[in-house]
C-alpha cells in the first residue's frame, strides 16, 4: 500500500491554478491514500483573536467546494481536516474521503491560544473521542497538529488496532518538536505516522511545510521540501504487527495513569 503526504501552499483556492497543479502532482504520485494538511483551503482563521461568523461560514463553504475536486487526485482515500459548524463555534473535523464518499473521523480536542493560533476562540470538539476507522487498505486514526503532543492518544490508537496515524498540521518554521512528537507517536503506537503541513507566509505567520513519514518504531522514512512537495511511502502492515508486539508497545499501562502510584 502506498501512502502520500505533502506540503500545501497557504490560502489555496480549490478552483485556482495552484491547487490544480498540485492536484496533478498528487495524481501522478500513484498513492492509494493521500494525507493533506490541516484545513488547507482559504485563510488561516486562527490568526484572528475574535470569532467572525461570516469568515467561519466562508471557510466551511470553501472546504466543501474543495471536496468536489478530490476525484482528480487519483487516490481511493484522501485524509485531511476541515472546519464544520458546531454550535457557537466551529469544529476542526478530521475526515476521510473514500471512493467519493465523506466519512468523519475525529474532532480536534486540543487547541492553542496565542498570537497566530487563537484556535480556542474559533474551535471546540462537538464529537468526543479518538476512534480508529477501517479504511481501504488500513485502519487509521487521526491526531491533528497540537494533538501530537499528547502521546497517550497515539498509544490509545494502538489499542484501537490502528495501523496508520494521519497527522495533518499547520505549523511554523521550527520543526524540532514536531519531529520529536511524530517519532514518539510512531514509537508508542507502533503505527506508521504520516504528516502533511501548510507552507508559506500568511500575515505575520510563516508556515514551515515539511511533511514527514515515520515508520513503526520511529524511523524517519521521507520528508517533503519546496522542490519535492509530494512524497509517497510504501506501507508494510507486517511491520506494524511486529512493532505493536515489541517494546515499548507491549508494556502495560498504570491502572491509574492520572497520577503517581500510591504506596
C-alpha atoms as a PDB file:
ATOM      1  CA  UNK A   1       0.000   0.000   0.000  1.00  0.00           C
ATOM      2  CA  UNK A   2       1.325   3.444  -0.928  1.00  0.00           C
ATOM      3  CA  UNK A   3       0.546   6.482   1.253  1.00  0.00           C
ATOM      4  CA  UNK A   4       1.238  10.031   0.110  1.00  0.00           C
ATOM      5  CA  UNK A   5       1.795  13.250   2.031  1.00  0.00           C
ATOM      6  CA  UNK A   6       2.596  16.804   1.053  1.00  0.00           C
ATOM      7  CA  UNK A   7       3.156  20.457   1.872  1.00  0.00           C
ATOM      8  CA  UNK A   8       0.378  22.721   0.606  1.00  0.00           C
ATOM      9  CA  UNK A   9       0.679  26.484  -0.020  1.00  0.00           C
ATOM     10  CA  UNK A  10      -1.310  28.891   2.152  1.00  0.00           C
ATOM     11  CA  UNK A  11      -4.747  30.146   1.178  1.00  0.00           C
ATOM     12  CA  UNK A  12      -5.381  27.575  -1.507  1.00  0.00           C
ATOM     13  CA  UNK A  13      -8.360  28.183  -3.761  1.00  0.00           C
ATOM     14  CA  UNK A  14      -9.935  24.853  -4.784  1.00  0.00           C
ATOM     15  CA  UNK A  15     -10.803  26.441  -8.144  1.00  0.00           C
ATOM     16  CA  UNK A  16      -7.388  28.069  -8.629  1.00  0.00           C
ATOM     17  CA  UNK A  17      -4.330  27.121 -10.696  1.00  0.00           C
ATOM     18  CA  UNK A  18      -2.083  26.379  -7.687  1.00  0.00           C
ATOM     19  CA  UNK A  19      -4.388  23.636  -6.404  1.00  0.00           C
ATOM     20  CA  UNK A  20      -4.883  22.368  -9.957  1.00  0.00           C
ATOM     21  CA  UNK A  21      -1.108  21.990 -10.413  1.00  0.00           C
ATOM     22  CA  UNK A  22      -0.682  20.347  -7.020  1.00  0.00           C
ATOM     23  CA  UNK A  23      -3.588  18.004  -7.767  1.00  0.00           C
ATOM     24  CA  UNK A  24      -1.835  16.885 -10.951  1.00  0.00           C
ATOM     25  CA  UNK A  25       1.325  16.235  -8.965  1.00  0.00           C
ATOM     26  CA  UNK A  26      -0.580  14.201  -6.383  1.00  0.00           C
ATOM     27  CA  UNK A  27      -2.346  12.225  -9.107  1.00  0.00           C
ATOM     28  CA  UNK A  28       0.981  11.410 -10.722  1.00  0.00           C
ATOM     29  CA  UNK A  29       2.466  10.141  -7.452  1.00  0.00           C
ATOM     30  CA  UNK A  30       0.491   6.894  -7.538  1.00  0.00           C
ATOM     31  CA  UNK A  31      -0.671   6.832  -3.913  1.00  0.00           C
ATOM     32  CA  UNK A  32      -3.506   4.652  -2.651  1.00  0.00           C
ATOM     33  CA  UNK A  33      -4.097   7.027   0.287  1.00  0.00           C
ATOM     34  CA  UNK A  34      -3.233  10.730   0.486  1.00  0.00           C
ATOM     35  CA  UNK A  35      -2.867  12.784   3.676  1.00  0.00           C
ATOM     36  CA  UNK A  36      -3.469  16.530   3.272  1.00  0.00           C
ATOM     37  CA  UNK A  37      -2.584  19.202   5.830  1.00  0.00           C
ATOM     38  CA  UNK A  38      -4.821  20.812   8.437  1.00  0.00           C
ATOM     39  CA  UNK A  39      -7.669  22.929   6.961  1.00  0.00           C
ATOM     40  CA  UNK A  40      -5.689  23.719   3.789  1.00  0.00           C
ATOM     41  CA  UNK A  41      -8.113  25.896   1.839  1.00  0.00           C
ATOM     42  CA  UNK A  42      -8.548  29.642   2.283  1.00  0.00           C
ATOM     43  CA  UNK A  43      -7.133  31.820   5.076  1.00  0.00           C
ATOM     44  CA  UNK A  44      -5.911  30.516   8.426  1.00  0.00           C
ATOM     45  CA  UNK A  45      -8.823  31.591  10.646  1.00  0.00           C
ATOM     46  CA  UNK A  46      -6.930  31.260  13.925  1.00  0.00           C
ATOM     47  CA  UNK A  47      -4.693  34.220  13.041  1.00  0.00           C
ATOM     48  CA  UNK A  48      -7.511  36.394  14.358  1.00  0.00           C
ATOM     49  CA  UNK A  49      -8.295  36.722  18.059  1.00  0.00           C
ATOM     50  CA  UNK A  50     -12.038  37.361  17.590  1.00  0.00           C
ATOM     51  CA  UNK A  51     -14.521  34.925  16.162  1.00  0.00           C
ATOM     52  CA  UNK A  52     -16.114  36.098  12.903  1.00  0.00           C
ATOM     53  CA  UNK A  53     -19.250  34.202  11.877  1.00  0.00           C
ATOM     54  CA  UNK A  54     -19.026  35.357   8.237  1.00  0.00           C
ATOM     55  CA  UNK A  55     -15.410  34.227   7.937  1.00  0.00           C
ATOM     56  CA  UNK A  56     -16.377  30.922   9.559  1.00  0.00           C
ATOM     57  CA  UNK A  57     -19.192  30.358   7.074  1.00  0.00           C
ATOM     58  CA  UNK A  58     -16.902  31.230   4.182  1.00  0.00           C
ATOM     59  CA  UNK A  59     -14.287  28.719   5.361  1.00  0.00           C
ATOM     60  CA  UNK A  60     -16.919  25.985   5.657  1.00  0.00           C
ATOM     61  CA  UNK A  61     -18.180  26.660   2.117  1.00  0.00           C
ATOM     62  CA  UNK A  62     -14.662  26.776   0.639  1.00  0.00           C
ATOM     63  CA  UNK A  63     -13.692  23.404   2.104  1.00  0.00           C
ATOM     64  CA  UNK A  64     -16.981  21.905   0.931  1.00  0.00           C
ATOM     65  CA  UNK A  65     -16.163  23.053  -2.604  1.00  0.00           C
ATOM     66  CA  UNK A  66     -12.709  21.542  -2.261  1.00  0.00           C
ATOM     67  CA  UNK A  67     -14.217  18.092  -1.592  1.00  0.00           C
ATOM     68  CA  UNK A  68     -15.657  18.213  -5.112  1.00  0.00           C
ATOM     69  CA  UNK A  69     -12.118  18.313  -6.559  1.00  0.00           C
ATOM     70  CA  UNK A  70     -10.796  15.209  -4.791  1.00  0.00           C
ATOM     71  CA  UNK A  71     -11.833  12.851  -7.580  1.00  0.00           C
ATOM     72  CA  UNK A  72      -8.963  14.226  -9.683  1.00  0.00           C
ATOM     73  CA  UNK A  73      -6.327  13.262  -7.096  1.00  0.00           C
ATOM     74  CA  UNK A  74      -6.179   9.700  -8.395  1.00  0.00           C
ATOM     75  CA  UNK A  75      -6.341   8.016  -4.987  1.00  0.00           C
ATOM     76  CA  UNK A  76      -9.069   5.974  -3.296  1.00  0.00           C
ATOM     77  CA  UNK A  77      -8.656   7.662   0.081  1.00  0.00           C
ATOM     78  CA  UNK A  78      -7.965  11.302   0.947  1.00  0.00           C
ATOM     79  CA  UNK A  79      -7.491  12.265   4.597  1.00  0.00           C
ATOM     80  CA  UNK A  80      -7.482  15.846   5.850  1.00  0.00           C
ATOM     81  CA  UNK A  81      -9.338  18.220   8.125  1.00  0.00           C
ATOM     82  CA  UNK A  82     -11.850  20.995   7.565  1.00  0.00           C
ATOM     83  CA  UNK A  83     -13.987  23.428   9.569  1.00  0.00           C
ATOM     84  CA  UNK A  84     -17.585  22.370  10.195  1.00  0.00           C
ATOM     85  CA  UNK A  85     -20.423  24.099  12.018  1.00  0.00           C
ATOM     86  CA  UNK A  86     -20.575  23.183  15.715  1.00  0.00           C
ATOM     87  CA  UNK A  87     -22.962  25.411  17.640  1.00  0.00           C
ATOM     88  CA  UNK A  88     -21.495  28.790  18.567  1.00  0.00           C
ATOM     89  CA  UNK A  89     -18.067  27.824  17.214  1.00  0.00           C
ATOM     90  CA  UNK A  90     -16.550  25.579  14.577  1.00  0.00           C
ATOM     91  CA  UNK A  91     -15.174  22.070  14.924  1.00  0.00           C
ATOM     92  CA  UNK A  92     -11.945  21.096  13.194  1.00  0.00           C
ATOM     93  CA  UNK A  93     -13.045  17.774  11.727  1.00  0.00           C
ATOM     94  CA  UNK A  94     -10.613  15.141  10.521  1.00  0.00           C
ATOM     95  CA  UNK A  95     -12.201  13.248   7.641  1.00  0.00           C
ATOM     96  CA  UNK A  96     -11.615  10.539   5.095  1.00  0.00           C
ATOM     97  CA  UNK A  97     -12.886  10.880   1.541  1.00  0.00           C
ATOM     98  CA  UNK A  98     -13.295   7.273   0.397  1.00  0.00           C
ATOM     99  CA  UNK A  99     -14.232   6.486  -3.212  1.00  0.00           C
ATOM    100  CA  UNK A 100     -16.202   9.725  -3.367  1.00  0.00           C
ATOM    101  CA  UNK A 101     -17.958   9.305  -0.008  1.00  0.00           C
ATOM    102  CA  UNK A 102     -17.311  11.535   3.022  1.00  0.00           C
ATOM    103  CA  UNK A 103     -16.506   9.899   6.369  1.00  0.00           C
ATOM    104  CA  UNK A 104     -15.959  11.975   9.552  1.00  0.00           C
ATOM    105  CA  UNK A 105     -13.065  10.620  11.618  1.00  0.00           C
ATOM    106  CA  UNK A 106     -12.464  12.854  14.626  1.00  0.00           C
ATOM    107  CA  UNK A 107     -12.872  16.369  16.067  1.00  0.00           C
ATOM    108  CA  UNK A 108      -9.722  18.100  17.257  1.00  0.00           C
ATOM    109  CA  UNK A 109      -9.672  18.333  21.066  1.00  0.00           C
ATOM    110  CA  UNK A 110      -6.510  20.300  21.936  1.00  0.00           C
ATOM    111  CA  UNK A 111      -6.290  23.984  20.995  1.00  0.00           C
ATOM    112  CA  UNK A 112      -3.511  26.546  21.423  1.00  0.00           C
ATOM    113  CA  UNK A 113      -4.410  30.135  22.318  1.00  0.00           C
ATOM    114  CA  UNK A 114      -1.639  32.555  21.323  1.00  0.00           C
ATOM    115  CA  UNK A 115      -0.818  35.032  18.538  1.00  0.00           C
ATOM    116  CA  UNK A 116      -1.404  33.402  15.182  1.00  0.00           C
ATOM    117  CA  UNK A 117      -3.033  30.361  16.773  1.00  0.00           C
ATOM    118  CA  UNK A 118      -6.161  31.538  18.603  1.00  0.00           C
ATOM    119  CA  UNK A 119      -7.731  28.168  17.960  1.00  0.00           C
ATOM    120  CA  UNK A 120      -9.647  28.015  21.241  1.00  0.00           C
ATOM    121  CA  UNK A 121     -11.505  31.177  20.120  1.00  0.00           C
ATOM    122  CA  UNK A 122     -12.685  29.508  16.928  1.00  0.00           C
ATOM    123  CA  UNK A 123     -12.985  25.803  17.661  1.00  0.00           C
ATOM    124  CA  UNK A 124     -14.225  23.207  20.084  1.00  0.00           C
ATOM    125  CA  UNK A 125     -14.863  19.479  19.831  1.00  0.00           C
ATOM    126  CA  UNK A 126     -18.521  18.723  19.324  1.00  0.00           C
ATOM    127  CA  UNK A 127     -17.907  14.975  18.826  1.00  0.00           C
ATOM    128  CA  UNK A 128     -15.852  13.410  21.616  1.00  0.00           C
ATOM    129  CA  UNK A 129     -13.292  10.656  21.341  1.00  0.00           C
ATOM    130  CA  UNK A 130     -10.386   9.246  19.354  1.00  0.00           C
ATOM    131  CA  UNK A 131     -11.658   6.286  17.335  1.00  0.00           C
ATOM    132  CA  UNK A 132      -9.688   4.462  14.649  1.00  0.00           C
ATOM    133  CA  UNK A 133     -11.615   3.671  11.471  1.00  0.00           C
ATOM    134  CA  UNK A 134     -11.295   0.864   8.946  1.00  0.00           C
ATOM    135  CA  UNK A 135     -10.432   2.400   5.576  1.00  0.00           C
ATOM    136  CA  UNK A 136      -9.433   0.656   2.335  1.00  0.00           C
ATOM    137  CA  UNK A 137      -6.005  -0.818   2.977  1.00  0.00           C
ATOM    138  CA  UNK A 138      -5.544   0.002   6.665  1.00  0.00           C
ATOM    139  CA  UNK A 139      -7.125   1.020   9.960  1.00  0.00           C
ATOM    140  CA  UNK A 140      -6.458   4.719  10.563  1.00  0.00           C
ATOM    141  CA  UNK A 141      -6.565   7.148  13.476  1.00  0.00           C
ATOM    142  CA  UNK A 142      -6.092  10.926  13.330  1.00  0.00           C
ATOM    143  CA  UNK A 143      -4.139  13.342  15.511  1.00  0.00           C
ATOM    144  CA  UNK A 144      -4.451  16.936  14.342  1.00  0.00           C
ATOM    145  CA  UNK A 145      -1.380  19.118  14.863  1.00  0.00           C
ATOM    146  CA  UNK A 146      -1.212  20.028  18.612  1.00  0.00           C
ATOM    147  CA  UNK A 147      -2.770  16.658  19.436  1.00  0.00           C
ATOM    148  CA  UNK A 148       0.574  15.076  18.513  1.00  0.00           C
ATOM    149  CA  UNK A 149       1.989  16.481  21.755  1.00  0.00           C
ATOM    150  CA  UNK A 150      -0.243  14.069  23.700  1.00  0.00           C
ATOM    151  CA  UNK A 151       1.246  10.626  23.101  1.00  0.00           C
ATOM    152  CA  UNK A 152      -1.339   8.930  25.295  1.00  0.00           C
ATOM    153  CA  UNK A 153      -3.635   9.119  22.259  1.00  0.00           C
ATOM    154  CA  UNK A 154      -1.015   7.564  19.989  1.00  0.00           C
ATOM    155  CA  UNK A 155      -0.831   4.653  22.416  1.00  0.00           C
ATOM    156  CA  UNK A 156      -4.625   4.592  22.560  1.00  0.00           C
ATOM    157  CA  UNK A 157      -4.726   4.146  18.790  1.00  0.00           C
ATOM    158  CA  UNK A 158      -2.559   1.026  19.116  1.00  0.00           C
ATOM    159  CA  UNK A 159      -5.179  -0.403  21.479  1.00  0.00           C
ATOM    160  CA  UNK A 160      -7.809   0.532  18.888  1.00  0.00           C
ATOM    161  CA  UNK A 161      -5.974  -1.555  16.295  1.00  0.00           C
ATOM    162  CA  UNK A 162      -4.799   1.398  14.177  1.00  0.00           C
ATOM    163  CA  UNK A 163      -2.021   0.807  11.665  1.00  0.00           C
ATOM    164  CA  UNK A 164      -1.597   4.382  10.419  1.00  0.00           C
ATOM    165  CA  UNK A 165      -1.903   7.675  12.303  1.00  0.00           C
ATOM    166  CA  UNK A 166      -2.695  10.550   9.950  1.00  0.00           C
ATOM    167  CA  UNK A 167      -1.393  13.842  11.343  1.00  0.00           C
ATOM    168  CA  UNK A 168      -2.417  16.927   9.323  1.00  0.00           C
ATOM    169  CA  UNK A 169      -0.545  20.030  10.615  1.00  0.00           C
ATOM    170  CA  UNK A 170      -0.449  23.811  10.286  1.00  0.00           C
ATOM    171  CA  UNK A 171       2.865  24.570  11.997  1.00  0.00           C
ATOM    172  CA  UNK A 172       5.556  27.218  11.650  1.00  0.00           C
ATOM    173  CA  UNK A 173       9.212  27.028  10.554  1.00  0.00           C
ATOM    174  CA  UNK A 174      10.687  25.333  13.631  1.00  0.00           C
ATOM    175  CA  UNK A 175      10.307  21.582  13.259  1.00  0.00           C
ATOM    176  CA  UNK A 176      12.356  20.015  16.071  1.00  0.00           C
ATOM    177  CA  UNK A 177       9.441  19.493  18.434  1.00  0.00           C
ATOM    178  CA  UNK A 178       7.225  18.247  15.633  1.00  0.00           C
ATOM    179  CA  UNK A 179       9.779  15.687  14.514  1.00  0.00           C
ATOM    180  CA  UNK A 180      10.152  14.511  18.111  1.00  0.00           C
ATOM    181  CA  UNK A 181       6.372  14.274  18.537  1.00  0.00           C
ATOM    182  CA  UNK A 182       5.881  12.405  15.266  1.00  0.00           C
ATOM    183  CA  UNK A 183       8.680   9.968  16.049  1.00  0.00           C
ATOM    184  CA  UNK A 184       7.323   9.331  19.551  1.00  0.00           C
ATOM    185  CA  UNK A 185       3.822   8.809  18.156  1.00  0.00           C
ATOM    186  CA  UNK A 186       5.288   6.075  15.953  1.00  0.00           C
ATOM    187  CA  UNK A 187       7.273   4.598  18.871  1.00  0.00           C
ATOM    188  CA  UNK A 188       4.375   4.499  21.325  1.00  0.00           C
ATOM    189  CA  UNK A 189       1.730   3.312  18.831  1.00  0.00           C
ATOM    190  CA  UNK A 190       3.718   1.003  16.563  1.00  0.00           C
ATOM    191  CA  UNK A 191       1.909   2.734  13.676  1.00  0.00           C
ATOM    192  CA  UNK A 192       3.109   4.493  10.575  1.00  0.00           C
ATOM    193  CA  UNK A 193       2.706   8.225  11.251  1.00  0.00           C
ATOM    194  CA  UNK A 194       2.097  10.376   8.184  1.00  0.00           C
ATOM    195  CA  UNK A 195       2.008  14.187   8.458  1.00  0.00           C
ATOM    196  CA  UNK A 196       1.432  16.982   5.933  1.00  0.00           C
ATOM    197  CA  UNK A 197       1.841  20.708   6.600  1.00  0.00           C
ATOM    198  CA  UNK A 198       0.858  24.143   5.352  1.00  0.00           C
ATOM    199  CA  UNK A 199       3.684  26.167   3.791  1.00  0.00           C
ATOM    200  CA  UNK A 200       4.373  29.844   3.113  1.00  0.00           C
ATOM    201  CA  UNK A 201       3.692  33.302   4.577  1.00  0.00           C
ATOM    202  CA  UNK A 202       0.321  34.438   5.870  1.00  0.00           C
ATOM    203  CA  UNK A 203       0.184  37.733   7.725  1.00  0.00           C
ATOM    204  CA  UNK A 204       2.807  37.603  10.471  1.00  0.00           C
ATOM    205  CA  UNK A 205       2.986  33.823  10.280  1.00  0.00           C
ATOM    206  CA  UNK A 206       5.245  31.693   8.168  1.00  0.00           C
ATOM    207  CA  UNK A 207       4.164  28.098   7.884  1.00  0.00           C
ATOM    208  CA  UNK A 208       7.069  25.730   7.559  1.00  0.00           C
ATOM    209  CA  UNK A 209       5.995  22.951   5.219  1.00  0.00           C
ATOM    210  CA  UNK A 210       7.978  19.725   5.612  1.00  0.00           C
ATOM    211  CA  UNK A 211       5.611  16.819   5.691  1.00  0.00           C
ATOM    212  CA  UNK A 212       7.039  13.684   7.286  1.00  0.00           C
ATOM    213  CA  UNK A 213       6.518   9.923   7.215  1.00  0.00           C
ATOM    214  CA  UNK A 214       7.700   7.814  10.157  1.00  0.00           C
ATOM    215  CA  UNK A 215       7.829   4.034  10.281  1.00  0.00           C
ATOM    216  CA  UNK A 216       6.597   1.947  13.231  1.00  0.00           C
ATOM    217  CA  UNK A 217       9.314   2.322  15.842  1.00  0.00           C
ATOM    218  CA  UNK A 218      10.144   5.917  14.936  1.00  0.00           C
ATOM    219  CA  UNK A 219      12.424   5.788  11.870  1.00  0.00           C
ATOM    220  CA  UNK A 220      12.089   8.769   9.510  1.00  0.00           C
ATOM    221  CA  UNK A 221      11.229   7.399   6.074  1.00  0.00           C
ATOM    222  CA  UNK A 222      10.819  10.542   3.971  1.00  0.00           C
ATOM    223  CA  UNK A 223      10.015  14.247   4.087  1.00  0.00           C
ATOM    224  CA  UNK A 224       8.761  16.870   1.666  1.00  0.00           C
ATOM    225  CA  UNK A 225      10.533  20.025   0.522  1.00  0.00           C
ATOM    226  CA  UNK A 226       9.879  23.002  -1.732  1.00  0.00           C
ATOM    227  CA  UNK A 227      11.470  21.055  -4.582  1.00  0.00           C
ATOM    228  CA  UNK A 228       9.597  17.858  -3.779  1.00  0.00           C
ATOM    229  CA  UNK A 229       6.266  18.847  -2.151  1.00  0.00           C
ATOM    230  CA  UNK A 230       4.574  15.469  -2.653  1.00  0.00           C
ATOM    231  CA  UNK A 231       6.116  12.224  -1.374  1.00  0.00           C
ATOM    232  CA  UNK A 232       4.877   8.648  -1.241  1.00  0.00           C
ATOM    233  CA  UNK A 233       5.994   5.819   1.058  1.00  0.00           C
ATOM    234  CA  UNK A 234       5.305   2.106   0.906  1.00  0.00           C
ATOM    235  CA  UNK A 235       3.442   0.884   3.989  1.00  0.00           C
ATOM    236  CA  UNK A 236       4.130  -2.684   5.156  1.00  0.00           C
ATOM    237  CA  UNK A 237       1.455  -3.689   7.664  1.00  0.00           C
ATOM    238  CA  UNK A 238       3.538  -6.661   8.816  1.00  0.00           C
ATOM    239  CA  UNK A 239       5.964  -4.130  10.327  1.00  0.00           C
ATOM    240  CA  UNK A 240       3.067  -2.645  12.294  1.00  0.00           C
ATOM    241  CA  UNK A 241       2.147  -6.041  13.704  1.00  0.00           C
ATOM    242  CA  UNK A 242       5.756  -6.653  14.749  1.00  0.00           C
ATOM    243  CA  UNK A 243       6.225  -3.208  16.297  1.00  0.00           C
ATOM    244  CA  UNK A 244       2.988  -3.394  18.279  1.00  0.00           C
ATOM    245  CA  UNK A 245       4.130  -6.671  19.840  1.00  0.00           C
ATOM    246  CA  UNK A 246       7.553  -5.210  20.707  1.00  0.00           C
ATOM    247  CA  UNK A 247       8.865  -2.813  23.365  1.00  0.00           C
ATOM    248  CA  UNK A 248       7.554  -0.318  24.410  1.00  0.00           C
ATOM    249  CA  UNK A 249       4.134  -1.058  22.930  1.00  0.00           C
ATOM    250  CA  UNK A 250       3.594  -4.246  24.932  1.00  0.00           C
ATOM    251  CA  UNK A 251       4.410  -2.608  28.310  1.00  0.00           C
ATOM    252  CA  UNK A 252       1.196  -2.411  30.408  1.00  0.00           C
ATOM    253  CA  UNK A 253      -0.080   0.983  31.452  1.00  0.00           C
ATOM    254  CA  UNK A 254      -0.579   2.018  35.054  1.00  0.00           C
ATOM    255  CA  UNK A 255      -4.044   1.239  36.472  1.00  0.00           C
ATOM    256  CA  UNK A 256      -4.415   4.967  37.235  1.00  0.00           C
ATOM    257  CA  UNK A 257      -2.492   6.996  34.690  1.00  0.00           C
ATOM    258  CA  UNK A 258      -3.717  10.311  36.101  1.00  0.00           C
ATOM    259  CA  UNK A 259      -1.225  10.469  38.970  1.00  0.00           C
ATOM    260  CA  UNK A 260       1.664   8.709  40.714  1.00  0.00           C
ATOM    261  CA  UNK A 261       1.274   5.258  42.159  1.00  0.00           C
ATOM    262  CA  UNK A 262       0.342   5.256  45.820  1.00  0.00           C
ATOM    263  CA  UNK A 263       2.458   3.407  48.386  1.00  0.00           C
END
